[in-house]
Amino acid sequence: MTLWLTIGAVAALSFTCKAFGPALFGGRTLPPRAQSVIALTAPALLAGFIVVDVLGSRWSAVDLTVIAGLAVVPLLLWRRAPLPVALVAAVAVTALLRL
């Protein structure tokens, strides 16, 4: 029961936080500095999640095959490959290295 109460509380808090911004700022535009910080928050969080997941707890469980697969994605995106192609290539490189 405690788990469901916690989930409900987190959902209510999330909804309140998301509704607070538009209610507070209404039709006003944010300063450019605030807009740039907000725009970079999601990529920074995603990068942090990837690093923690790939490198493991205390960086003791480093899987070099996953790191090699992840290295393929920016390389192919830099060469203007479509994102699905880059993701499939990353999975293929990781699978081939694990053989």
PDB file of N, CA and C in Angstrom:
ATOM      1  N   MET A   1       0.821  -1.193   0.000  1.00  0.00           N
ATOM      2  CA  MET A   1       0.000   0.000   0.000  1.00  0.00           C
ATOM      3  C   MET A   1       0.870   1.264   0.000  1.00  0.00           C
ATOM      4  N   THR A   2       1.997   1.193   0.728  1.00  0.00           N
ATOM      5  CA  THR A   2       2.889   2.346   0.788  1.00  0.00           C
ATOM      6  C   THR A   2       3.455   2.677  -0.588  1.00  0.00           C
ATOM      7  N   LEU A   3       3.736   1.640  -1.378  1.00  0.00           N
ATOM      8  CA  LEU A   3       4.257   1.866  -2.723  1.00  0.00           C
ATOM      9  C   LEU A   3       3.273   2.666  -3.565  1.00  0.00           C
ATOM     10  N   TRP A   4       2.003   2.299  -3.520  1.00  0.00           N
ATOM     11  CA  TRP A   4       1.000   2.995  -4.324  1.00  0.00           C
ATOM     12  C   TRP A   4       0.775   4.418  -3.833  1.00  0.00           C
ATOM     13  N   LEU A   5       0.861   4.628  -2.541  1.00  0.00           N
ATOM     14  CA  LEU A   5       0.752   5.996  -2.021  1.00  0.00           C
ATOM     15  C   LEU A   5       1.933   6.838  -2.484  1.00  0.00           C
ATOM     16  N   THR A   6       3.110   6.248  -2.494  1.00  0.00           N
ATOM     17  CA  THR A   6       4.296   6.961  -2.965  1.00  0.00           C
ATOM     18  C   THR A   6       4.179   7.294  -4.446  1.00  0.00           C
ATOM     19  N   ILE A   7       3.714   6.334  -5.236  1.00  0.00           N
ATOM     20  CA  ILE A   7       3.532   6.576  -6.673  1.00  0.00           C
ATOM     21  C   ILE A   7       2.519   7.690  -6.902  1.00  0.00           C
ATOM     22  N   GLY A   8       1.421   7.657  -6.156  1.00  0.00           N
ATOM     23  CA  GLY A   8       0.402   8.706  -6.277  1.00  0.00           C
ATOM     24  C   GLY A   8       0.935  10.068  -5.874  1.00  0.00           C
ATOM     25  N   ALA A   9       1.717  10.109  -4.796  1.00  0.00           N
ATOM     26  CA  ALA A   9       2.283  11.377  -4.348  1.00  0.00           C
ATOM     27  C   ALA A   9       3.269  11.932  -5.367  1.00  0.00           C
ATOM     28  N   VAL A  10       4.101  11.068  -5.935  1.00  0.00           N
ATOM     29  CA  VAL A  10       5.058  11.517  -6.953  1.00  0.00           C
ATOM     30  C   VAL A  10       4.325  12.012  -8.203  1.00  0.00           C
ATOM     31  N   ALA A  11       3.261  11.316  -8.594  1.00  0.00           N
ATOM     32  CA  ALA A  11       2.482  11.746  -9.763  1.00  0.00           C
ATOM     33  C   ALA A  11       1.822  13.099  -9.505  1.00  0.00           C
ATOM     34  N   ALA A  12       1.256  13.288  -8.322  1.00  0.00           N
ATOM     35  CA  ALA A  12       0.615  14.567  -7.994  1.00  0.00           C
ATOM     36  C   ALA A  12       1.645  15.694  -7.947  1.00  0.00           C
ATOM     37  N   LEU A  13       2.801  15.419  -7.360  1.00  0.00           N
ATOM     38  CA  LEU A  13       3.859  16.432  -7.303  1.00  0.00           C
ATOM     39  C   LEU A  13       4.367  16.775  -8.699  1.00  0.00           C
ATOM     40  N   SER A  14       4.523  15.768  -9.541  1.00  0.00           N
ATOM     41  CA  SER A  14       4.964  16.008 -10.911  1.00  0.00           C
ATOM     42  C   SER A  14       3.956  16.867 -11.667  1.00  0.00           C
ATOM     43  N   PHE A  15       2.673  16.543 -11.522  1.00  0.00           N
ATOM     44  CA  PHE A  15       1.628  17.329 -12.189  1.00  0.00           C
ATOM     45  C   PHE A  15       1.636  18.765 -11.691  1.00  0.00           C
ATOM     46  N   THR A  16       1.800  18.946 -10.374  1.00  0.00           N
ATOM     47  CA  THR A  16       1.814  20.289  -9.799  1.00  0.00           C
ATOM     48  C   THR A  16       3.001  21.094 -10.319  1.00  0.00           C
ATOM     49  N   CYS A  17       4.159  20.459 -10.377  1.00  0.00           N
ATOM     50  CA  CYS A  17       5.347  21.167 -10.871  1.00  0.00           C
ATOM     51  C   CYS A  17       5.202  21.543 -12.344  1.00  0.00           C
ATOM     52  N   LYS A  18       4.623  20.638 -13.132  1.00  0.00           N
ATOM     53  CA  LYS A  18       4.452  20.932 -14.559  1.00  0.00           C
ATOM     54  C   LYS A  18       3.398  22.006 -14.788  1.00  0.00           C
ATOM     55  N   ALA A  19       2.407  22.083 -13.939  1.00  0.00           N
ATOM     56  CA  ALA A  19       1.364  23.092 -14.086  1.00  0.00           C
ATOM     57  C   ALA A  19       1.802  24.436 -13.515  1.00  0.00           C
ATOM     58  N   PHE A  20       2.754  24.413 -12.605  1.00  0.00           N
ATOM     59  CA  PHE A  20       3.210  25.629 -11.936  1.00  0.00           C
ATOM     60  C   PHE A  20       3.880  26.602 -12.908  1.00  0.00           C
ATOM     61  N   GLY A  21       4.690  26.102 -13.825  1.00  0.00           N
ATOM     62  CA  GLY A  21       5.394  26.967 -14.771  1.00  0.00           C
ATOM     63  C   GLY A  21       4.466  27.785 -15.649  1.00  0.00           C
ATOM     64  N   PRO A  22       3.543  27.141 -16.392  1.00  0.00           N
ATOM     65  CA  PRO A  22       2.626  27.930 -17.219  1.00  0.00           C
ATOM     66  C   PRO A  22       1.716  28.841 -16.403  1.00  0.00           C
ATOM     67  N   ALA A  23       1.312  28.413 -15.216  1.00  0.00           N
ATOM     68  CA  ALA A  23       0.442  29.249 -14.395  1.00  0.00           C
ATOM     69  C   ALA A  23       1.198  30.476 -13.883  1.00  0.00           C
ATOM     70  N   LEU A  24       2.460  30.309 -13.569  1.00  0.00           N
ATOM     71  CA  LEU A  24       3.251  31.402 -13.026  1.00  0.00           C
ATOM     72  C   LEU A  24       3.695  32.377 -14.111  1.00  0.00           C
ATOM     73  N   PHE A  25       4.169  31.848 -15.235  1.00  0.00           N
ATOM     74  CA  PHE A  25       4.717  32.714 -16.268  1.00  0.00           C
ATOM     75  C   PHE A  25       3.708  33.092 -17.343  1.00  0.00           C
ATOM     76  N   GLY A  26       2.602  32.381 -17.452  1.00  0.00           N
ATOM     77  CA  GLY A  26       1.545  32.732 -18.388  1.00  0.00           C
ATOM     78  C   GLY A  26       2.044  32.947 -19.794  1.00  0.00           C
ATOM     79  N   GLY A  27       1.801  34.119 -20.353  1.00  0.00           N
ATOM     80  CA  GLY A  27       2.179  34.422 -21.723  1.00  0.00           C
ATOM     81  C   GLY A  27       3.546  35.063 -21.846  1.00  0.00           C
ATOM     82  N   ARG A  28       4.245  35.247 -20.735  1.00  0.00           N
ATOM     83  CA  ARG A  28       5.561  35.884 -20.788  1.00  0.00           C
ATOM     84  C   ARG A  28       6.609  34.922 -21.345  1.00  0.00           C
ATOM     85  N   THR A  29       7.595  35.474 -21.987  1.00  0.00           N
ATOM     86  CA  THR A  29       8.699  34.653 -22.481  1.00  0.00           C
ATOM     87  C   THR A  29       9.821  34.670 -21.451  1.00  0.00           C
ATOM     88  N   LEU A  30      10.506  33.573 -21.358  1.00  0.00           N
ATOM     89  CA  LEU A  30      11.627  33.469 -20.433  1.00  0.00           C
ATOM     90  C   LEU A  30      12.847  34.172 -21.004  1.00  0.00           C
ATOM     91  N   PRO A  31      13.749  34.609 -20.145  1.00  0.00           N
ATOM     92  CA  PRO A  31      14.994  35.203 -20.643  1.00  0.00           C
ATOM     93  C   PRO A  31      15.788  34.168 -21.439  1.00  0.00           C
ATOM     94  N   PRO A  32      16.600  34.626 -22.382  1.00  0.00           N
ATOM     95  CA  PRO A  32      17.368  33.686 -23.209  1.00  0.00           C
ATOM     96  C   PRO A  32      18.245  32.736 -22.396  1.00  0.00           C
ATOM     97  N   ARG A  33      18.824  33.218 -21.316  1.00  0.00           N
ATOM     98  CA  ARG A  33      19.677  32.372 -20.480  1.00  0.00           C
ATOM     99  C   ARG A  33      18.868  31.215 -19.877  1.00  0.00           C
ATOM    100  N   ALA A  34      17.670  31.501 -19.384  1.00  0.00           N
ATOM    101  CA  ALA A  34      16.814  30.459 -18.811  1.00  0.00           C
ATOM    102  C   ALA A  34      16.372  29.473 -19.889  1.00  0.00           C
ATOM    103  N   GLN A  35      16.060  29.964 -21.082  1.00  0.00           N
ATOM    104  CA  GLN A  35      15.671  29.080 -22.176  1.00  0.00           C
ATOM    105  C   GLN A  35      16.807  28.134 -22.558  1.00  0.00           C
ATOM    106  N   SER A  36      18.046  28.640 -22.561  1.00  0.00           N
ATOM    107  CA  SER A  36      19.168  27.772 -22.928  1.00  0.00           C
ATOM    108  C   SER A  36      19.421  26.715 -21.855  1.00  0.00           C
ATOM    109  N   VAL A  37      19.239  27.073 -20.588  1.00  0.00           N
ATOM    110  CA  VAL A  37      19.412  26.097 -19.509  1.00  0.00           C
ATOM    111  C   VAL A  37      18.347  25.020 -19.600  1.00  0.00           C
ATOM    112  N   ILE A  38      17.104  25.412 -19.831  1.00  0.00           N
ATOM    113  CA  ILE A  38      16.004  24.448 -19.944  1.00  0.00           C
ATOM    114  C   ILE A  38      16.220  23.537 -21.152  1.00  0.00           C
ATOM    115  N   ALA A  39      16.688  24.099 -22.244  1.00  0.00           N
ATOM    116  CA  ALA A  39      16.906  23.296 -23.454  1.00  0.00           C
ATOM    117  C   ALA A  39      18.004  22.254 -23.263  1.00  0.00           C
ATOM    118  N   LEU A  40      18.981  22.532 -22.402  1.00  0.00           N
ATOM    119  CA  LEU A  40      20.095  21.605 -22.202  1.00  0.00           C
ATOM    120  C   LEU A  40      19.891  20.636 -21.041  1.00  0.00           C
ATOM    121  N   THR A  41      18.799  20.784 -20.302  1.00  0.00           N
ATOM    122  CA  THR A  41      18.567  19.923 -19.145  1.00  0.00           C
ATOM    123  C   THR A  41      18.300  18.478 -19.559  1.00  0.00           C
ATOM    124  N   ALA A  42      17.435  18.262 -20.531  1.00  0.00           N
ATOM    125  CA  ALA A  42      17.101  16.897 -20.951  1.00  0.00           C
ATOM    126  C   ALA A  42      18.306  16.145 -21.519  1.00  0.00           C
ATOM    127  N   PRO A  43      19.097  16.739 -22.420  1.00  0.00           N
ATOM    128  CA  PRO A  43      20.272  16.008 -22.899  1.00  0.00           C
ATOM    129  C   PRO A  43      21.281  15.711 -21.790  1.00  0.00           C
ATOM    130  N   ALA A  44      21.433  16.625 -20.839  1.00  0.00           N
ATOM    131  CA  ALA A  44      22.369  16.384 -19.743  1.00  0.00           C
ATOM    132  C   ALA A  44      21.893  15.228 -18.863  1.00  0.00           C
ATOM    133  N   LEU A  45      20.608  15.187 -18.563  1.00  0.00           N
ATOM    134  CA  LEU A  45      20.069  14.075 -17.772  1.00  0.00           C
ATOM    135  C   LEU A  45      20.203  12.752 -18.514  1.00  0.00           C
ATOM    136  N   LEU A  46      19.904  12.756 -19.803  1.00  0.00           N
ATOM    137  CA  LEU A  46      20.021  11.532 -20.594  1.00  0.00           C
ATOM    138  C   LEU A  46      21.463  11.034 -20.619  1.00  0.00           C
ATOM    139  N   ALA A  47      22.405  11.946 -20.802  1.00  0.00           N
ATOM    140  CA  ALA A  47      23.813  11.553 -20.794  1.00  0.00           C
ATOM    141  C   ALA A  47      24.216  10.980 -19.439  1.00  0.00           C
ATOM    142  N   GLY A  48      23.726  11.578 -18.381  1.00  0.00           N
ATOM    143  CA  GLY A  48      24.021  11.061 -17.045  1.00  0.00           C
ATOM    144  C   GLY A  48      23.462   9.669 -16.827  1.00  0.00           C
ATOM    145  N   PHE A  49      22.228   9.442 -17.273  1.00  0.00           N
ATOM    146  CA  PHE A  49      21.621   8.115 -17.140  1.00  0.00           C
ATOM    147  C   PHE A  49      22.405   7.077 -17.936  1.00  0.00           C
ATOM    148  N   ILE A  50      22.838   7.444 -19.128  1.00  0.00           N
ATOM    149  CA  ILE A  50      23.587   6.504 -19.967  1.00  0.00           C
ATOM    150  C   ILE A  50      24.923   6.162 -19.311  1.00  0.00           C
ATOM    151  N   VAL A  51      25.623   7.167 -18.803  1.00  0.00           N
ATOM    152  CA  VAL A  51      26.924   6.920 -18.174  1.00  0.00           C
ATOM    153  C   VAL A  51      26.772   6.012 -16.955  1.00  0.00           C
ATOM    154  N   VAL A  52      25.781   6.295 -16.114  1.00  0.00           N
ATOM    155  CA  VAL A  52      25.577   5.474 -14.923  1.00  0.00           C
ATOM    156  C   VAL A  52      25.187   4.052 -15.303  1.00  0.00           C
ATOM    157  N   ASP A  53      24.341   3.909 -16.312  1.00  0.00           N
ATOM    158  CA  ASP A  53      23.895   2.577 -16.712  1.00  0.00           C
ATOM    159  C   ASP A  53      25.018   1.781 -17.372  1.00  0.00           C
ATOM    160  N   VAL A  54      25.800   2.422 -18.215  1.00  0.00           N
ATOM    161  CA  VAL A  54      26.857   1.717 -18.947  1.00  0.00           C
ATOM    162  C   VAL A  54      28.034   1.368 -18.032  1.00  0.00           C
ATOM    163  N   LEU A  55      28.441   2.293 -17.198  1.00  0.00           N
ATOM    164  CA  LEU A  55      29.627   2.073 -16.386  1.00  0.00           C
ATOM    165  C   LEU A  55      29.347   1.314 -15.099  1.00  0.00           C
ATOM    166  N   GLY A  56      28.099   1.163 -14.735  1.00  0.00           N
ATOM    167  CA  GLY A  56      27.758   0.353 -13.578  1.00  0.00           C
ATOM    168  C   GLY A  56      28.038   1.041 -12.258  1.00  0.00           C
ATOM    169  N   SER A  57      27.762   0.312 -11.214  1.00  0.00           N
ATOM    170  CA  SER A  57      27.960   0.827  -9.868  1.00  0.00           C
ATOM    171  C   SER A  57      29.450   1.018  -9.590  1.00  0.00           C
ATOM    172  N   ARG A  58      29.809   2.221  -9.237  1.00  0.00           N
ATOM    173  CA  ARG A  58      31.208   2.581  -8.942  1.00  0.00           C
ATOM    174  C   ARG A  58      32.148   2.262 -10.102  1.00  0.00           C
ATOM    175  N   TRP A  59      31.617   2.211 -11.288  1.00  0.00           N
ATOM    176  CA  TRP A  59      32.371   1.984 -12.520  1.00  0.00           C
ATOM    177  C   TRP A  59      33.150   0.680 -12.481  1.00  0.00           C
ATOM    178  N   SER A  60      32.649  -0.286 -11.758  1.00  0.00           N
ATOM    179  CA  SER A  60      33.353  -1.561 -11.650  1.00  0.00           C
ATOM    180  C   SER A  60      32.881  -2.573 -12.684  1.00  0.00           C
ATOM    181  N   ALA A  61      31.721  -2.347 -13.267  1.00  0.00           N
ATOM    182  CA  ALA A  61      31.159  -3.311 -14.211  1.00  0.00           C
ATOM    183  C   ALA A  61      31.176  -2.753 -15.632  1.00  0.00           C
ATOM    184  N   VAL A  62      32.299  -2.220 -16.058  1.00  0.00           N
ATOM    185  CA  VAL A  62      32.400  -1.607 -17.384  1.00  0.00           C
ATOM    186  C   VAL A  62      32.305  -2.696 -18.450  1.00  0.00           C
ATOM    187  N   ASP A  63      31.363  -2.520 -19.375  1.00  0.00           N
ATOM    188  CA  ASP A  63      31.184  -3.454 -20.482  1.00  0.00           C
ATOM    189  C   ASP A  63      31.676  -2.759 -21.754  1.00  0.00           C
ATOM    190  N   LEU A  64      32.835  -3.125 -22.216  1.00  0.00           N
ATOM    191  CA  LEU A  64      33.449  -2.445 -23.363  1.00  0.00           C
ATOM    192  C   LEU A  64      32.664  -2.651 -24.651  1.00  0.00           C
ATOM    193  N   THR A  65      31.906  -3.754 -24.740  1.00  0.00           N
ATOM    194  CA  THR A  65      31.109  -3.962 -25.952  1.00  0.00           C
ATOM    195  C   THR A  65      29.998  -2.931 -26.060  1.00  0.00           C
ATOM    196  N   VAL A  66      29.400  -2.569 -24.940  1.00  0.00           N
ATOM    197  CA  VAL A  66      28.351  -1.546 -24.954  1.00  0.00           C
ATOM    198  C   VAL A  66      28.947  -0.181 -25.274  1.00  0.00           C
ATOM    199  N   ILE A  67      30.099   0.108 -24.721  1.00  0.00           N
ATOM    200  CA  ILE A  67      30.760   1.388 -25.001  1.00  0.00           C
ATOM    201  C   ILE A  67      31.110   1.492 -26.482  1.00  0.00           C
ATOM    202  N   ALA A  68      31.581   0.403 -27.072  1.00  0.00           N
ATOM    203  CA  ALA A  68      31.890   0.411 -28.507  1.00  0.00           C
ATOM    204  C   ALA A  68      30.618   0.611 -29.329  1.00  0.00           C
ATOM    205  N   GLY A  69      29.541  -0.045 -28.923  1.00  0.00           N
ATOM    206  CA  GLY A  69      28.266   0.133 -29.628  1.00  0.00           C
ATOM    207  C   GLY A  69      27.763   1.553 -29.525  1.00  0.00           C
ATOM    208  N   LEU A  70      27.888   2.149 -28.339  1.00  0.00           N
ATOM    209  CA  LEU A  70      27.454   3.535 -28.171  1.00  0.00           C
ATOM    210  C   LEU A  70      28.331   4.506 -28.946  1.00  0.00           C
ATOM    211  N   ALA A  71      29.586   4.171 -29.147  1.00  0.00           N
ATOM    212  CA  ALA A  71      30.488   5.043 -29.897  1.00  0.00           C
ATOM    213  C   ALA A  71      30.119   5.099 -31.375  1.00  0.00           C
ATOM    214  N   VAL A  72      29.434   4.075 -31.858  1.00  0.00           N
ATOM    215  CA  VAL A  72      29.033   4.033 -33.263  1.00  0.00           C
ATOM    216  C   VAL A  72      27.951   5.071 -33.567  1.00  0.00           C
ATOM    217  N   VAL A  73      27.072   5.311 -32.606  1.00  0.00           N
ATOM    218  CA  VAL A  73      25.928   6.200 -32.851  1.00  0.00           C
ATOM    219  C   VAL A  73      26.359   7.617 -33.218  1.00  0.00           C
ATOM    220  N   PRO A  74      27.161   8.322 -32.409  1.00  0.00           N
ATOM    221  CA  PRO A  74      27.531   9.683 -32.824  1.00  0.00           C
ATOM    222  C   PRO A  74      28.345   9.712 -34.106  1.00  0.00           C
ATOM    223  N   LEU A  75      29.140   8.674 -34.325  1.00  0.00           N
ATOM    224  CA  LEU A  75      29.925   8.622 -35.560  1.00  0.00           C
ATOM    225  C   LEU A  75      29.013   8.566 -36.784  1.00  0.00           C
ATOM    226  N   LEU A  76      28.008   7.696 -36.732  1.00  0.00           N
ATOM    227  CA  LEU A  76      27.096   7.596 -37.874  1.00  0.00           C
ATOM    228  C   LEU A  76      26.196   8.823 -37.998  1.00  0.00           C
ATOM    229  N   LEU A  77      25.792   9.404 -36.878  1.00  0.00           N
ATOM    230  CA  LEU A  77      24.990  10.624 -36.953  1.00  0.00           C
ATOM    231  C   LEU A  77      25.805  11.778 -37.524  1.00  0.00           C
ATOM    232  N   TRP A  78      27.087  11.807 -37.207  1.00  0.00           N
ATOM    233  CA  TRP A  78      27.972  12.825 -37.775  1.00  0.00           C
ATOM    234  C   TRP A  78      28.094  12.657 -39.285  1.00  0.00           C
ATOM    235  N   ARG A  79      28.037  11.407 -39.751  1.00  0.00           N
ATOM    236  CA  ARG A  79      28.107  11.126 -41.187  1.00  0.00           C
ATOM    237  C   ARG A  79      26.731  11.222 -41.848  1.00  0.00           C
ATOM    238  N   ARG A  80      25.748  11.769 -41.124  1.00  0.00           N
ATOM    239  CA  ARG A  80      24.394  12.050 -41.625  1.00  0.00           C
ATOM    240  C   ARG A  80      23.556  10.790 -41.871  1.00  0.00           C
ATOM    241  N   ALA A  81      23.805   9.750 -41.112  1.00  0.00           N
ATOM    242  CA  ALA A  81      22.969   8.550 -41.203  1.00  0.00           C
ATOM    243  C   ALA A  81      21.679   8.798 -40.421  1.00  0.00           C
ATOM    244  N   PRO A  82      20.573   8.223 -40.844  1.00  0.00           N
ATOM    245  CA  PRO A  82      19.328   8.364 -40.075  1.00  0.00           C
ATOM    246  C   PRO A  82      19.465   7.706 -38.700  1.00  0.00           C
ATOM    247  N   LEU A  83      18.734   8.230 -37.739  1.00  0.00           N
ATOM    248  CA  LEU A  83      18.825   7.718 -36.372  1.00  0.00           C
ATOM    249  C   LEU A  83      18.509   6.231 -36.272  1.00  0.00           C
ATOM    250  N   PRO A  84      17.446   5.720 -36.927  1.00  0.00           N
ATOM    251  CA  PRO A  84      17.205   4.269 -36.830  1.00  0.00           C
ATOM    252  C   PRO A  84      18.371   3.429 -37.353  1.00  0.00           C
ATOM    253  N   VAL A  85      19.021   3.893 -38.404  1.00  0.00           N
ATOM    254  CA  VAL A  85      20.177   3.168 -38.947  1.00  0.00           C
ATOM    255  C   VAL A  85      21.314   3.176 -37.930  1.00  0.00           C
ATOM    256  N   ALA A  86      21.544   4.313 -37.287  1.00  0.00           N
ATOM    257  CA  ALA A  86      22.609   4.408 -36.291  1.00  0.00           C
ATOM    258  C   ALA A  86      22.321   3.501 -35.096  1.00  0.00           C
ATOM    259  N   LEU A  87      21.075   3.433 -34.674  1.00  0.00           N
ATOM    260  CA  LEU A  87      20.730   2.579 -33.537  1.00  0.00           C
ATOM    261  C   LEU A  87      20.874   1.099 -33.875  1.00  0.00           C
ATOM    262  N   VAL A  88      20.439   0.715 -35.065  1.00  0.00           N
ATOM    263  CA  VAL A  88      20.583  -0.686 -35.480  1.00  0.00           C
ATOM    264  C   VAL A  88      22.065  -1.044 -35.612  1.00  0.00           C
ATOM    265  N   ALA A  89      22.857  -0.122 -36.120  1.00  0.00           N
ATOM    266  CA  ALA A  89      24.298  -0.372 -36.242  1.00  0.00           C
ATOM    267  C   ALA A  89      24.936  -0.518 -34.867  1.00  0.00           C
ATOM    268  N   ALA A  90      24.505   0.283 -33.907  1.00  0.00           N
ATOM    269  CA  ALA A  90      25.050   0.171 -32.551  1.00  0.00           C
ATOM    270  C   ALA A  90      24.720  -1.180 -31.939  1.00  0.00           C
ATOM    271  N   VAL A  91      23.500  -1.638 -32.131  1.00  0.00           N
ATOM    272  CA  VAL A  91      23.112  -2.956 -31.618  1.00  0.00           C
ATOM    273  C   VAL A  91      23.912  -4.046 -32.318  1.00  0.00           C
ATOM    274  N   ALA A  92      24.096  -3.913 -33.627  1.00  0.00           N
ATOM    275  CA  ALA A  92      24.843  -4.915 -34.383  1.00  0.00           C
ATOM    276  C   ALA A  92      26.309  -4.969 -33.936  1.00  0.00           C
ATOM    277  N   VAL A  93      26.929  -3.817 -33.739  1.00  0.00           N
ATOM    278  CA  VAL A  93      28.321  -3.788 -33.292  1.00  0.00           C
ATOM    279  C   VAL A  93      28.444  -4.430 -31.914  1.00  0.00           C
ATOM    280  N   THR A  94      27.539  -4.105 -31.029  1.00  0.00           N
ATOM    281  CA  THR A  94      27.569  -4.689 -29.681  1.00  0.00           C
ATOM    282  C   THR A  94      27.390  -6.201 -29.745  1.00  0.00           C
ATOM    283  N   ALA A  95      26.449  -6.669 -30.561  1.00  0.00           N
ATOM    284  CA  ALA A  95      26.194  -8.113 -30.670  1.00  0.00           C
ATOM    285  C   ALA A  95      27.385  -8.824 -31.289  1.00  0.00           C
ATOM    286  N   LEU A  96      27.972  -8.241 -32.314  1.00  0.00           N
ATOM    287  CA  LEU A  96      29.129  -8.876 -32.955  1.00  0.00           C
ATOM    288  C   LEU A  96      30.335  -8.957 -32.016  1.00  0.00           C
ATOM    289  N   LEU A  97      30.533  -7.932 -31.219  1.00  0.00           N
ATOM    290  CA  LEU A  97      31.654  -7.949 -30.282  1.00  0.00           C
ATOM    291  C   LEU A  97      31.444  -8.952 -29.153  1.00  0.00           C
ATOM    292  N   ARG A  98      30.216  -9.277 -28.878  1.00  0.00           N
ATOM    293  CA  ARG A  98      29.919 -10.235 -27.808  1.00  0.00           C
ATOM    294  C   ARG A  98      30.014 -11.678 -28.270  1.00  0.00           C
ATOM    295  N   LEU A  99      30.146 -11.902 -29.565  1.00  0.00           N
ATOM    296  CA  LEU A  99      30.249 -13.284 -30.058  1.00  0.00           C
ATOM    297  C   LEU A  99      31.551 -13.942 -29.664  1.00  0.00           C
TER     298      LEU A  99
END
